[in-house]
Amino acid sequence: MNQQGICTCHPGATVWLTGLPSAGKTTLARALAARLRADGRRVEVLDGDEVREFLSAGLGFSREDRHTNVARIGLVAEVLARNGVTAVVPVIAPFADSREAVRARHAKSATPYLEVHVATPVEVCSVRDVKGLYAKQAAGEISGLTGVDDPYEAPESPDLRIESHQQTVQESAAALHALLTERGLA
């Protein structure tokens, strides 16, 4: 606030990064957050694993539980965003209707929401296998792996599609930053 009581803060927004496990969502989220913080922006990364451990503890991986998890994260992101924080959300959110519900919540409060599809092919993700999930699924130790033996509904019309396997993290973050700048959010 300035001396006249006018808010001089930057607008907040939610940047939802959806994609398969090991697609590069969290790496991209952290790179974008660092870039925005360097520009003096207030940023929070709502990492899916951390949120699931604390805010959504006790939820499983059924369609209903996944929807509840996404709705909870969407609520937190929307509250942060409407209060001037850029909420960067690297969360799979495998179902289109769950992501659309989050978008609708943001629209209701006139809070900017960007959906970014980190479109890394499953073959690349399984080689990256950051958490060892693909190996465990292949060995029969787990089931319900998104994009392998559980559905993933890729966005048909995201605000941005990033082919993370065809560019560096810095190039991906720059493309995302350019979108935010174009929309007046960076």
Protein backbone atom coordinates (compact mmCIF):
# COMPACT_ATOMS: atom_id res chain seq x y z
CA MET A 1 0.00 0.00 0.00
CA ASN A 2 1.17 3.48 -0.78
CA GLN A 3 0.45 6.60 1.31
CA GLN A 4 -2.92 7.04 -0.40
CA GLY A 5 -3.98 3.52 0.63
CA ILE A 6 -3.78 2.19 -2.93
CA CYS A 7 -2.42 -1.30 -3.34
CA THR A 8 0.78 -1.21 -5.36
CA CYS A 9 1.36 -4.95 -5.12
CA HIS A 10 1.60 -7.19 -8.15
CA PRO A 11 -1.39 -9.30 -9.12
CA GLY A 12 -1.26 -12.90 -8.03
CA ALA A 13 -2.01 -15.91 -10.19
CA THR A 14 -2.10 -19.67 -10.07
CA VAL A 15 0.17 -21.47 -12.51
CA TRP A 16 -0.87 -25.13 -12.55
CA LEU A 17 1.73 -27.46 -14.07
CA THR A 18 0.10 -30.75 -15.03
CA GLY A 19 1.80 -33.75 -16.56
CA LEU A 20 2.90 -37.31 -15.93
CA PRO A 21 5.11 -38.37 -13.01
CA SER A 22 8.74 -37.39 -13.77
CA ALA A 23 7.64 -35.00 -16.55
CA GLY A 24 9.66 -32.15 -15.00
CA LYS A 25 6.83 -30.25 -13.28
CA THR A 26 8.58 -29.64 -9.96
CA THR A 27 11.92 -28.78 -11.58
CA LEU A 28 10.18 -26.25 -13.82
CA ALA A 29 8.15 -24.87 -10.89
CA ARG A 30 11.30 -24.25 -8.86
CA ALA A 31 13.07 -22.60 -11.80
CA LEU A 32 10.10 -20.31 -12.47
CA ALA A 33 9.77 -19.47 -8.77
CA ALA A 34 13.45 -18.52 -8.54
CA ARG A 35 13.12 -16.29 -11.58
CA LEU A 36 10.00 -14.57 -10.23
CA ARG A 37 11.57 -14.10 -6.78
CA ALA A 38 14.62 -12.51 -8.44
CA ASP A 39 12.14 -10.04 -9.98
CA GLY A 40 10.80 -9.23 -6.49
CA ARG A 41 7.61 -11.28 -6.81
CA ARG A 42 5.94 -13.16 -3.98
CA VAL A 43 5.84 -16.84 -4.96
CA GLU A 44 4.85 -20.11 -3.33
CA VAL A 45 5.39 -23.55 -4.83
CA LEU A 46 2.66 -25.96 -3.76
CA ASP A 47 4.45 -29.25 -4.39
CA GLY A 48 2.07 -32.16 -4.81
CA ASP A 49 4.04 -34.57 -2.62
CA GLU A 50 4.31 -32.08 0.25
CA VAL A 51 0.63 -31.14 0.06
CA ARG A 52 -0.41 -34.80 -0.05
CA GLU A 53 1.70 -35.52 3.04
CA PHE A 54 0.27 -32.68 5.13
CA LEU A 55 -2.96 -31.22 3.73
CA SER A 56 -4.29 -34.39 2.12
CA ALA A 57 -2.89 -37.01 4.51
CA GLY A 58 -5.11 -40.06 4.55
CA LEU A 59 -6.30 -39.72 0.98
CA GLY A 60 -5.65 -42.60 -1.37
CA PHE A 61 -5.41 -42.61 -5.15
CA SER A 62 -9.00 -43.39 -6.12
CA ARG A 63 -10.59 -41.00 -8.59
CA GLU A 64 -12.62 -39.43 -5.75
CA ASP A 65 -9.56 -39.01 -3.51
CA ARG A 66 -7.54 -37.54 -6.37
CA HIS A 67 -10.36 -35.06 -7.04
CA THR A 68 -10.46 -34.09 -3.34
CA ASN A 69 -6.68 -33.61 -3.30
CA VAL A 70 -6.80 -31.37 -6.39
CA ALA A 71 -9.72 -29.37 -4.95
CA ARG A 72 -7.82 -28.76 -1.71
CA ILE A 73 -4.70 -27.65 -3.53
CA GLY A 74 -6.84 -25.49 -5.82
CA LEU A 75 -8.41 -23.74 -2.83
CA VAL A 76 -5.03 -22.95 -1.25
CA ALA A 77 -3.66 -21.74 -4.60
CA GLU A 78 -6.67 -19.52 -5.23
CA VAL A 79 -6.47 -17.94 -1.76
CA LEU A 80 -2.77 -17.23 -2.23
CA ALA A 81 -3.26 -15.90 -5.77
CA ARG A 82 -6.10 -13.55 -4.91
CA ASN A 83 -3.85 -12.12 -2.20
CA GLY A 84 -1.03 -11.19 -4.57
CA VAL A 85 1.06 -14.37 -4.49
CA THR A 86 1.98 -16.34 -7.58
CA ALA A 87 1.10 -19.91 -6.64
CA VAL A 88 3.05 -22.36 -8.79
CA VAL A 89 1.44 -25.79 -8.56
CA PRO A 90 3.37 -28.80 -9.94
CA VAL A 91 0.62 -31.37 -9.43
CA ILE A 92 -0.36 -34.17 -11.82
CA ALA A 93 -4.15 -33.60 -11.49
CA PRO A 94 -4.89 -36.44 -13.92
CA PHE A 95 -8.55 -35.69 -14.58
CA ALA A 96 -9.77 -32.82 -16.76
CA ASP A 97 -12.93 -32.29 -14.69
CA SER A 98 -10.85 -31.75 -11.51
CA ARG A 99 -8.63 -29.19 -13.24
CA GLU A 100 -11.72 -27.49 -14.71
CA ALA A 101 -13.25 -27.22 -11.22
CA VAL A 102 -10.10 -25.43 -10.03
CA ARG A 103 -10.24 -23.10 -13.04
CA ALA A 104 -13.92 -22.35 -12.30
CA ARG A 105 -13.13 -21.56 -8.65
CA HIS A 106 -10.51 -19.05 -9.81
CA ALA A 107 -12.89 -17.54 -12.38
CA LYS A 108 -15.55 -17.05 -9.70
CA SER A 109 -13.15 -14.84 -7.73
CA ALA A 110 -11.66 -13.24 -10.88
CA THR A 111 -8.28 -14.71 -9.98
CA PRO A 112 -5.88 -15.43 -12.86
CA TYR A 113 -5.34 -19.13 -13.54
CA LEU A 114 -2.99 -20.64 -16.10
CA GLU A 115 -2.91 -24.32 -16.98
CA VAL A 116 0.43 -25.50 -18.31
CA HIS A 117 0.83 -28.99 -19.73
CA VAL A 118 4.33 -30.31 -19.21
CA ALA A 119 3.97 -32.70 -22.14
CA THR A 120 6.75 -35.20 -21.64
CA PRO A 121 6.10 -38.61 -23.23
CA VAL A 122 5.73 -41.55 -20.84
CA GLU A 123 8.79 -43.19 -22.44
CA VAL A 124 10.95 -40.23 -21.38
CA CYS A 125 9.34 -40.05 -17.93
CA SER A 126 10.00 -43.74 -17.32
CA VAL A 127 13.69 -43.24 -18.10
CA ARG A 128 13.90 -40.20 -15.81
CA ASP A 129 11.92 -42.08 -13.11
CA VAL A 130 12.83 -39.54 -10.44
CA LYS A 131 11.01 -41.39 -7.63
CA GLY A 132 11.43 -44.93 -8.93
CA LEU A 133 7.69 -45.26 -9.59
CA TYR A 134 7.98 -46.62 -13.12
CA ALA A 135 10.44 -49.29 -11.99
CA LYS A 136 8.15 -50.28 -9.10
CA GLN A 137 5.16 -50.46 -11.45
CA ALA A 138 7.11 -52.57 -13.95
CA ALA A 139 8.16 -54.91 -11.14
CA GLY A 140 4.54 -55.28 -10.00
CA GLU A 141 5.23 -53.57 -6.67
CA ILE A 142 2.68 -50.80 -7.26
CA SER A 143 -0.33 -50.27 -9.48
CA GLY A 144 -2.36 -47.23 -10.41
CA LEU A 145 0.56 -45.27 -11.86
CA THR A 146 -0.80 -42.27 -13.71
CA GLY A 147 -0.28 -42.57 -17.44
CA VAL A 148 0.69 -46.25 -17.27
CA ASP A 149 -2.09 -48.29 -15.66
CA ASP A 150 -4.20 -45.38 -14.44
CA PRO A 151 -5.65 -42.65 -16.66
CA TYR A 152 -4.14 -39.27 -17.42
CA GLU A 153 -6.34 -36.87 -19.35
CA ALA A 154 -3.96 -34.45 -21.04
CA PRO A 155 -5.31 -30.90 -21.40
CA GLU A 156 -6.82 -30.28 -24.82
CA SER A 157 -6.29 -26.51 -24.76
CA PRO A 158 -3.80 -25.52 -22.06
CA ASP A 159 -2.61 -21.94 -21.79
CA LEU A 160 0.84 -23.30 -22.63
CA ARG A 161 2.22 -26.70 -23.61
CA ILE A 162 5.87 -27.29 -22.74
CA GLU A 163 7.81 -30.12 -24.37
CA SER A 164 10.32 -30.40 -21.53
CA HIS A 165 12.17 -33.26 -23.21
CA GLN A 166 13.01 -31.00 -26.18
CA GLN A 167 14.38 -27.99 -24.31
CA THR A 168 16.39 -27.10 -21.22
CA VAL A 169 14.81 -26.24 -17.89
CA GLN A 170 15.89 -22.62 -18.45
CA GLU A 171 14.20 -22.53 -21.87
CA SER A 172 11.01 -24.00 -20.39
CA ALA A 173 11.03 -21.50 -17.52
CA ALA A 174 11.63 -18.67 -19.98
CA ALA A 175 8.63 -19.74 -22.08
CA LEU A 176 6.47 -19.82 -18.96
CA HIS A 177 7.79 -16.46 -17.78
CA ALA A 178 7.02 -15.01 -21.23
CA LEU A 179 3.41 -16.21 -20.91
CA LEU A 180 3.10 -14.60 -17.48
CA THR A 181 4.59 -11.38 -18.84
CA GLU A 182 2.22 -11.43 -21.84
CA ARG A 183 -0.74 -11.78 -19.44
CA GLY A 184 0.52 -8.99 -17.15
CA LEU A 185 1.30 -11.40 -14.33
CA ALA A 186 5.11 -11.21 -14.15
